[in-house]
Protein backbone atom coordinates (compact mmCIF):
# COMPACT_ATOMS: atom_id res chain seq x y z
CA MET A 1 -4.62 5.23 17.66
CA LEU A 2 -3.05 7.96 15.26
CA ASN A 3 -3.37 10.45 17.93
CA GLY A 4 -1.10 8.64 20.24
CA LEU A 5 1.28 7.82 17.47
CA TRP A 6 1.77 11.30 16.50
CA LEU A 7 2.06 12.71 19.80
CA GLY A 8 4.43 10.09 20.52
CA PHE A 9 6.76 11.00 17.95
CA PHE A 10 7.15 14.55 19.32
CA ILE A 11 7.48 13.46 23.01
CA VAL A 12 10.42 10.83 21.98
CA ALA A 13 11.80 13.70 19.88
CA ALA A 14 11.63 16.12 22.94
CA VAL A 15 13.01 13.60 25.50
CA SER A 16 16.07 12.76 22.92
CA ALA A 17 16.77 16.30 22.34
CA LEU A 18 16.89 17.13 25.99
CA ALA A 19 19.42 14.11 26.54
CA GLN A 20 21.51 15.51 23.79
CA TRP A 21 21.65 19.01 25.30
CA LEU A 22 21.98 18.18 28.83
CA ILE A 23 24.09 15.09 28.55
CA GLY A 24 25.89 15.77 24.95
CA GLY A 25 26.08 19.16 25.17
CA ASN A 26 24.63 19.72 21.80
CA ALA A 27 22.76 23.01 22.17
CA GLY A 28 22.03 23.21 18.47
CA ILE A 29 19.68 20.29 18.48
CA PHE A 30 16.67 22.45 19.12
CA ALA A 31 17.28 24.52 16.28
CA ALA A 32 17.89 21.53 13.87
CA MET A 33 14.54 20.35 14.98
CA VAL A 34 12.80 23.76 14.42
CA GLU A 35 14.39 23.95 10.99
CA SER A 36 13.35 20.45 10.10
CA ILE A 37 9.69 21.37 11.05
CA PHE A 38 9.69 23.91 8.35
CA ALA A 39 11.48 22.04 5.83
CA MET A 40 9.08 19.12 6.08
CA ALA A 41 6.07 21.35 5.88
CA LYS A 42 7.44 22.86 2.45
CA LEU A 43 8.24 19.17 1.29
CA SER A 44 4.74 18.40 2.10
CA VAL A 45 3.28 20.91 -0.37
CA GLU A 46 5.76 19.96 -2.93
CA VAL A 47 4.57 16.15 -2.69
CA MET A 48 0.91 17.18 -2.44
CA VAL A 49 1.07 19.18 -5.91
CA LEU A 50 2.22 15.81 -7.57
CA LEU A 51 -0.27 13.83 -5.53
CA PHE A 52 -3.07 16.11 -6.66
CA GLY A 53 -2.28 15.30 -10.25
CA THR A 54 -1.64 11.56 -9.81
CA LEU A 55 -4.97 10.79 -8.09
CA THR A 56 -6.96 13.09 -10.37
CA LEU A 57 -5.39 11.31 -13.34
CA TRP A 58 -6.17 7.71 -12.36
CA LEU A 59 -9.50 8.43 -10.80
CA GLY A 60 -10.42 9.86 -14.32
CA PHE A 61 -9.01 6.75 -16.10
CA LEU A 62 -10.83 4.50 -13.47
CA ARG A 63 -14.23 6.26 -14.22
CA ILE A 64 -13.69 5.47 -17.98
CA ALA A 65 -13.33 1.76 -17.11
CA GLU A 66 -16.34 2.00 -15.04
CA LYS A 67 -18.64 3.51 -18.00
CA ALA A 68 -16.78 1.06 -20.30
CA GLY A 69 -18.33 -1.89 -18.47
CA ILE A 70 -14.96 -3.00 -17.58
CA VAL A 71 -15.35 -3.26 -13.87
CA GLU A 72 -18.92 -4.92 -14.48
CA TRP A 73 -17.12 -7.68 -16.69
CA LEU A 74 -14.67 -8.01 -13.88
CA ALA A 75 -17.28 -8.69 -11.51
CA LYS A 76 -18.97 -11.28 -13.52
CA ALA A 77 -15.73 -12.91 -14.39
CA LEU A 78 -15.00 -13.20 -10.80
CA GLY A 79 -18.63 -14.27 -9.69
CA PRO A 80 -17.72 -17.87 -9.77
CA LEU A 81 -14.78 -17.23 -7.47
CA PHE A 82 -16.42 -14.94 -5.19
CA LEU A 83 -19.49 -17.55 -4.83
CA ARG A 84 -16.72 -20.09 -3.44
CA LEU A 85 -14.75 -17.80 -1.30
CA MET A 86 -18.00 -15.89 -0.08
CA PRO A 87 -20.73 -18.01 -0.11
CA GLU A 88 -23.12 -16.10 2.12
CA VAL A 89 -22.93 -13.32 -0.69
CA PRO A 90 -25.68 -14.13 -3.42
CA PRO A 91 -24.83 -14.06 -7.03
CA GLY A 92 -25.16 -10.64 -8.60
CA HIS A 93 -25.54 -8.82 -5.40
CA PRO A 94 -23.96 -5.15 -5.55
CA ALA A 95 -21.33 -6.00 -2.94
CA ILE A 96 -19.44 -8.02 -5.75
CA GLY A 97 -19.20 -5.04 -7.83
CA LEU A 98 -18.03 -2.70 -5.38
CA ILE A 99 -15.59 -5.37 -4.11
CA THR A 100 -14.31 -5.67 -7.63
CA LEU A 101 -13.99 -1.86 -8.04
CA ASN A 102 -12.20 -1.61 -4.67
CA PHE A 103 -9.50 -4.48 -5.78
CA ALA A 104 -9.08 -2.28 -9.09
CA ALA A 105 -8.38 0.79 -7.12
CA ASN A 106 -6.09 -1.06 -4.90
CA GLY A 107 -4.63 -2.78 -7.89
CA LEU A 108 -3.53 0.68 -9.47
CA GLY A 109 -2.17 1.79 -6.15
CA LEU A 110 -4.83 4.34 -5.41
CA ASP A 111 -5.23 3.25 -1.93
CA ASN A 112 -6.78 6.61 -0.83
CA ALA A 113 -9.50 6.18 -3.77
CA ALA A 114 -10.04 2.76 -2.73
CA THR A 115 -11.09 3.40 0.72
CA PRO A 116 -14.42 5.27 0.10
CA ILE A 117 -15.27 2.47 -2.37
CA GLY A 118 -14.38 -0.21 0.19
CA LEU A 119 -16.61 1.39 2.64
CA LYS A 120 -19.59 0.99 0.42
CA ALA A 121 -18.57 -2.51 -0.06
CA MET A 122 -18.44 -3.13 3.58
CA LYS A 123 -21.90 -1.61 4.04
CA ALA A 124 -23.33 -3.63 1.41
CA LEU A 125 -21.84 -6.99 3.10
CA GLN A 126 -23.30 -5.54 6.37
CA GLU A 127 -26.73 -5.95 4.92
CA LEU A 128 -26.03 -9.74 4.43
CA ASN A 129 -24.66 -10.20 8.25
CA PRO A 130 -27.04 -11.71 10.60
CA SER A 131 -25.05 -9.81 13.54
CA ASP A 132 -24.77 -6.13 14.11
CA THR A 133 -21.67 -6.38 15.98
CA ILE A 134 -19.68 -9.21 14.84
CA ALA A 135 -17.74 -9.65 11.48
CA SER A 136 -19.16 -12.12 9.11
CA ASN A 137 -16.69 -14.59 7.24
CA ALA A 138 -17.24 -12.46 3.87
CA GLN A 139 -16.29 -9.19 5.55
CA ILE A 140 -13.28 -10.74 7.09
CA LEU A 141 -12.14 -12.19 4.02
CA PHE A 142 -12.54 -8.81 2.31
CA LEU A 143 -10.76 -6.87 4.95
CA VAL A 144 -7.87 -9.19 5.05
CA LEU A 145 -7.38 -9.07 1.21
CA ASN A 146 -7.54 -5.45 1.39
CA ALA A 147 -5.20 -5.40 4.42
CA SER A 148 -2.57 -7.51 2.48
CA SER A 149 -2.23 -4.67 -0.12
CA LEU A 150 -3.60 -5.87 -3.79
CA THR A 151 -1.36 -3.44 -5.49
CA LEU A 152 -0.53 -4.53 -9.16
CA LEU A 153 0.33 -1.24 -10.25
CA PRO A 154 2.04 1.24 -7.43
CA VAL A 155 1.28 4.32 -9.16
CA THR A 156 1.51 6.62 -6.17
CA ILE A 157 4.98 4.83 -5.26
CA PHE A 158 6.27 5.70 -8.66
CA MET A 159 5.07 9.46 -7.96
CA TYR A 160 7.06 9.74 -4.61
CA ARG A 161 10.15 8.45 -6.32
CA ALA A 162 9.64 10.82 -9.35
CA GLN A 163 9.01 13.84 -7.06
CA GLN A 164 12.27 12.90 -5.26
CA GLY A 165 14.22 13.04 -8.58
CA ALA A 166 14.33 9.20 -9.12
CA PRO A 167 15.88 8.82 -13.07
CA ASP A 168 13.30 5.65 -13.31
CA PRO A 169 10.46 5.90 -10.94
CA THR A 170 9.17 2.58 -12.04
CA LEU A 171 12.40 0.64 -11.06
CA VAL A 172 10.49 -1.06 -8.12
CA PHE A 173 7.62 -2.28 -10.16
CA LEU A 174 8.62 -5.93 -10.02
CA PRO A 175 9.79 -6.23 -6.47
CA ILE A 176 6.58 -4.74 -5.28
CA LEU A 177 4.74 -7.25 -7.65
CA LEU A 178 6.23 -10.13 -6.02
CA ALA A 179 6.02 -8.81 -2.51
CA THR A 180 2.65 -8.33 -2.57
CA SER A 181 1.81 -11.54 -4.06
CA CYS A 182 3.59 -12.80 -0.91
CA SER A 183 1.42 -11.03 1.37
CA THR A 184 -1.85 -11.41 -0.32
CA LEU A 185 -1.30 -15.13 -0.67
CA VAL A 186 -0.56 -15.49 2.98
CA GLY A 187 -3.63 -13.51 3.79
CA LEU A 188 -5.75 -15.56 1.59
CA LEU A 189 -4.59 -18.88 2.88
CA SER A 190 -4.71 -17.80 6.73
CA VAL A 191 -8.30 -16.72 6.16
CA ALA A 192 -9.08 -19.77 4.15
CA PHE A 193 -7.64 -21.98 6.99
CA MET A 194 -9.67 -20.29 9.57
CA GLN A 195 -12.89 -20.39 7.74
CA ARG A 196 -12.28 -23.74 6.33
CA LEU A 197 -12.81 -22.65 2.64
CA ARG A 198 -12.38 -25.24 0.09
CA LEU A 199 -9.73 -23.92 -1.95
CA TRP A 200 -9.48 -27.11 -3.61
CA ASP A 201 -12.76 -26.85 -5.14
CA PRO A 202 -12.41 -27.12 -9.05
CA VAL A 203 -13.65 -23.75 -9.74
CA VAL A 204 -11.18 -22.03 -7.08
CA LEU A 205 -8.37 -24.21 -8.51
CA ALA A 206 -9.43 -23.18 -12.17
CA TYR A 207 -8.95 -19.40 -11.05
CA PHE A 208 -5.48 -19.93 -9.10
CA ILE A 209 -3.62 -22.86 -10.87
CA PRO A 210 -3.01 -20.83 -14.21
CA GLY A 211 -2.41 -17.67 -11.85
CA ALA A 212 0.29 -19.51 -9.81
CA LEU A 213 1.79 -21.46 -12.91
CA ALA A 214 2.34 -18.14 -14.46
CA LEU A 215 3.75 -16.51 -11.78
CA GLY A 216 6.04 -19.71 -11.00
CA ALA A 217 7.32 -19.46 -14.38
CA PHE A 218 8.07 -15.84 -14.65
CA MET A 219 9.96 -15.93 -11.36
CA ALA A 220 11.90 -18.86 -13.10
CA LEU A 221 12.50 -16.69 -15.75
CA LEU A 222 13.59 -13.99 -13.50
CA ALA A 223 15.98 -16.29 -11.59
CA THR A 224 17.94 -16.73 -14.97
CA LEU A 225 18.63 -12.68 -14.97
CA SER A 226 21.39 -10.74 -13.65
CA ALA A 227 20.46 -7.86 -11.00
CA THR A 228 21.27 -5.28 -13.85
CA ALA A 229 18.85 -7.16 -16.12
CA LEU A 230 16.27 -7.66 -13.26
CA ALA A 231 16.25 -3.59 -12.78
CA SER A 232 16.14 -3.22 -16.25
CA LEU A 233 13.22 -5.56 -17.14
CA SER A 234 11.48 -4.19 -13.84
CA SER A 235 11.59 -0.50 -15.54
CA ILE A 236 10.31 -1.79 -18.97
CA LEU A 237 7.31 -3.79 -17.78
CA GLY A 238 6.35 -0.93 -15.29
CA ASN A 239 6.30 1.65 -18.07
CA VAL A 240 4.72 -0.67 -20.65
CA THR A 241 1.90 -1.50 -18.33
CA LEU A 242 1.26 1.50 -17.26
CA PHE A 243 0.85 3.00 -20.58
CA GLY A 244 -1.10 0.01 -21.98
CA LEU A 245 -3.34 0.07 -19.12
CA ILE A 246 -4.22 3.77 -20.27
CA MET A 247 -4.78 2.87 -23.82
CA LEU A 248 -6.93 -0.38 -22.83
CA PHE A 249 -9.34 1.90 -20.92
CA LEU A 250 -9.53 4.44 -23.57
CA VAL A 251 -9.98 1.97 -26.56
CA ILE A 252 -12.51 0.01 -24.82
CA GLY A 253 -14.33 3.05 -23.72
CA ALA A 254 -14.42 4.51 -27.46
CA LEU A 255 -15.74 1.05 -28.60
CA ARG A 256 -18.44 1.24 -26.03
CA LYS A 257 -19.40 4.51 -27.31
CA VAL A 258 -18.18 6.19 -23.79
CA LYS A 259 -17.57 9.98 -24.03
CA VAL A 260 -14.08 9.32 -22.69
CA TYR A 261 -13.07 12.94 -22.21
CA GLU A 262 -16.22 13.65 -20.20
CA ALA A 263 -15.83 10.76 -18.29
CA PHE A 264 -12.26 11.39 -17.44
CA ILE A 265 -13.29 14.97 -16.26
CA GLU A 266 -16.08 13.46 -14.11
CA GLY A 267 -13.62 10.98 -12.45
CA ALA A 268 -10.78 13.69 -12.20
CA LYS A 269 -13.16 15.89 -10.27
CA GLU A 270 -13.43 13.05 -7.83
CA GLY A 271 -9.55 12.74 -7.64
CA PHE A 272 -9.25 16.41 -6.90
CA ASP A 273 -11.74 16.24 -3.88
CA VAL A 274 -10.02 13.03 -2.33
CA ALA A 275 -6.40 14.43 -2.66
CA LYS A 276 -7.31 18.00 -1.28
CA ASN A 277 -8.14 16.47 2.09
CA LEU A 278 -4.71 14.71 2.29
CA LEU A 279 -2.74 17.81 2.83
CA PRO A 280 -3.18 18.07 6.44
CA TYR A 281 -2.57 14.61 7.26
CA LEU A 282 0.79 15.04 5.18
CA VAL A 283 2.03 17.94 7.05
CA ALA A 284 1.29 16.51 10.34
CA MET A 285 3.15 13.22 9.68
CA LEU A 286 6.26 14.72 7.68
CA CYS A 287 6.69 17.19 10.51
CA ALA A 288 6.63 14.66 13.43
CA VAL A 289 9.13 12.42 11.51
CA GLY A 290 11.23 15.29 10.59
CA VAL A 291 11.55 16.07 14.42
CA LEU A 292 12.14 12.71 15.06
CA ARG A 293 14.94 12.47 12.82
CA ALA A 294 16.74 15.70 13.65
CA SER A 295 16.34 14.77 17.36
CA GLY A 296 18.50 11.80 17.00
CA ALA A 297 15.97 9.53 18.51
CA LEU A 298 15.19 7.73 15.16
CA ASP A 299 19.15 7.11 14.31
CA PHE A 300 19.58 5.81 18.01
CA GLY A 301 16.74 3.36 17.75
CA LEU A 302 17.95 2.00 14.41
CA ASP A 303 21.38 1.83 15.62
CA GLY A 304 20.30 -0.54 18.18
CA ILE A 305 18.44 -2.62 15.75
CA ARG A 306 21.47 -2.52 13.34
CA HIS A 307 23.91 -3.83 16.22
CA LEU A 308 21.32 -6.66 16.81
CA VAL A 309 21.56 -7.66 13.10
CA GLU A 310 25.42 -7.38 13.01
CA TRP A 311 25.53 -9.67 16.04
CA ALA A 312 23.26 -12.09 14.34
CA GLY A 313 25.62 -12.11 11.28
CA TRP A 314 23.14 -10.53 8.85
CA ASP A 315 23.52 -7.84 6.28
CA THR A 316 22.25 -4.44 7.88
CA ARG A 317 21.47 -2.28 4.72
CA PHE A 318 17.74 -3.00 5.41
CA VAL A 319 17.61 -1.49 8.65
CA ASP A 320 17.15 2.01 7.42
CA ALA A 321 13.99 1.08 5.78
CA LEU A 322 12.43 -0.46 8.92
CA PRO A 323 10.62 2.58 9.91
CA THR A 324 8.43 2.49 7.12
CA ALA A 325 7.60 -1.07 8.07
CA MET A 326 7.07 -0.15 11.96
CA VAL A 327 4.35 2.53 11.60
CA LYS A 328 2.83 1.09 8.39
CA PRO A 329 0.20 -1.18 10.22
CA PHE A 330 -1.01 1.92 12.12
CA SER A 331 -0.82 4.75 9.53
CA GLY A 332 -0.37 5.17 5.80
CA SER A 333 0.40 8.79 6.21
CA ALA A 334 3.21 8.11 8.84
CA ALA A 335 4.52 5.40 6.40
CA ARG A 336 4.57 7.61 3.46
CA ALA A 337 6.43 10.27 5.66
CA MET A 338 8.99 7.60 6.74
CA LEU A 339 9.50 6.51 2.93
CA ILE A 340 9.77 10.23 1.81
CA GLU A 341 12.46 10.96 4.77
CA THR A 342 14.16 7.47 3.87
CA MET A 343 14.65 8.72 0.34
CA LYS A 344 15.90 12.26 1.10
CA THR A 345 18.24 11.06 3.86
CA SER A 346 19.83 7.86 2.12
CA GLY A 347 19.24 8.96 -1.48
CA VAL A 348 16.24 7.76 -3.92
CA ASP A 349 17.83 4.94 -5.45
CA SER A 350 19.85 3.74 -2.37
CA PHE A 351 19.14 0.26 -1.08
CA PRO A 352 17.11 1.43 2.07
CA ALA A 353 15.12 3.87 -0.04
CA LEU A 354 14.40 0.78 -2.54
CA VAL A 355 13.46 -1.50 0.23
CA ALA A 356 11.22 1.17 1.70
CA ALA A 357 9.34 1.66 -1.46
CA THR A 358 8.83 -1.78 -1.84
CA ILE A 359 7.54 -2.07 1.85
CA GLN A 360 5.28 0.76 1.23
CA GLY A 361 3.98 -0.94 -1.89
CA SER A 362 3.28 -4.45 -0.74
CA THR A 363 1.88 -3.84 2.78
CA GLU A 364 -1.10 -2.03 4.27
CA THR A 365 -2.30 0.05 7.13
CA THR A 366 -3.59 -3.03 9.02
CA PHE A 367 -4.90 -1.21 12.06
CA TYR A 368 -6.21 1.92 10.13
CA VAL A 369 -8.44 -0.45 7.82
CA LEU A 370 -9.63 -2.59 10.67
CA ALA A 371 -10.92 0.57 12.47
CA VAL A 372 -12.27 2.57 9.45
CA TYR A 373 -13.91 -0.34 7.70
CA PHE A 374 -15.36 -2.38 10.60
CA GLY A 375 -16.03 0.97 12.35
CA ALA A 376 -18.18 2.22 9.62
CA VAL A 377 -20.67 -0.66 10.17
CA GLY A 378 -20.45 -1.03 13.79
CA ILE A 379 -18.61 -4.15 14.23
CA GLN A 380 -16.96 -4.72 17.53
CA ARG A 381 -15.76 -8.22 17.44
CA ALA A 382 -13.36 -8.70 14.52
CA ARG A 383 -12.76 -12.56 15.30
CA HIS A 384 -9.76 -13.83 13.33
CA ALA A 385 -9.57 -10.81 10.99
CA VAL A 386 -6.64 -9.10 13.10
CA GLY A 387 -4.52 -12.12 13.29
CA CYS A 388 -4.87 -13.00 9.43
CA ALA A 389 -4.19 -9.30 8.46
CA LEU A 390 -1.05 -9.06 10.61
CA LEU A 391 0.16 -12.29 9.56
CA ALA A 392 -0.09 -11.00 5.68
CA GLU A 393 1.46 -7.68 6.69
CA LEU A 394 4.55 -9.72 8.19
CA ALA A 395 4.73 -11.72 4.92
CA GLY A 396 4.88 -8.36 2.86
CA VAL A 397 7.73 -7.01 4.82
CA LEU A 398 9.84 -10.12 4.85
CA GLY A 399 9.16 -10.62 1.08
CA ALA A 400 10.06 -7.11 0.20
CA ILE A 401 13.33 -7.35 2.20
CA GLY A 402 14.16 -10.59 0.53
CA VAL A 403 12.95 -9.67 -3.24
CA CYS A 404 15.13 -6.40 -2.93
CA TYR A 405 18.11 -8.33 -1.90
CA TRP A 406 17.51 -10.56 -4.94
CA PHE A 407 17.15 -7.58 -7.25
CA PHE A 408 19.38 -4.74 -6.01
CA GLY A 409 21.63 -6.62 -3.62
């Protein structure tokens, strides 16, 4: 899938460049494309340096949380809920702890770190699966929730914005939080409908109702604020939450007699190992996207969509963010490249860049997650996983566009 997508970028770029040369007489198009390849290769290394630091930092703090028992406590706290949502998983099964750790990594925006943990969780669920090739209900729910993007603190999005010179990298904190709530809620409801899960069970309601009321009250509060106040609040909450979480891990770790420095170094080494494998993918996708933009093909496609949007009488500012949404279901690295390219082309705090960042933080690589997670355990029949995951993806994209008009429109 990724092979075809990547090759397709270059083929479309080549066709577009030939058309511009032979029909439009633009002989300099090939020089621009070659220049773009080298520029994007350089940019890949610059982004990678900061990504090394981000993954190393947060996997270090996550290891402190793990050794301090925070993850184990979360698993116990969520145990009654998982018992209703995944009734085939016995209480206290190792899969519950791994699922919780995976959700914690996703919540912190560490999607690259969450993947190996998620694979372990999927293998643990496969041990309970009576079929070798057909996805179980528990596996489908776990996968769809992953595909819905559980990001609560999108540190990697903050990192990309900081690398591109954003004066306030956390500006998109609240928009991402609201948009990812849309995708996760739609993902959960769609799976519950297909599996006939009893969401009205008193235990499930005891978990969901307080959260729903809190979110509703929070959105009601946000509705009273101006766009300037919303942006300011998003910035404050983003930074306070980020630093508060670090202090929470450190304080609880210290109280539990965890050697926090040694635990941090242990987790940071794992983060370094995860990050160093990402550079080839980043170079490949950024160069392909750079060529696509330089050839004029990307602009041509977006102009077509923009004309359709104008014909419908809608605002067109979100159109430049659509490349991120279009490739996100297939490839995280391609979407990351599209996001960075949009920030460079339109400006890091432009409306399209803010929408693209929100989409990147509130959606997931649906087909990649399906292929990797189910492929790792030999699942061939995904049942309703694909439909539910794509529905959650669509909800995340629409939610991101709507929320950005609310906050930044």
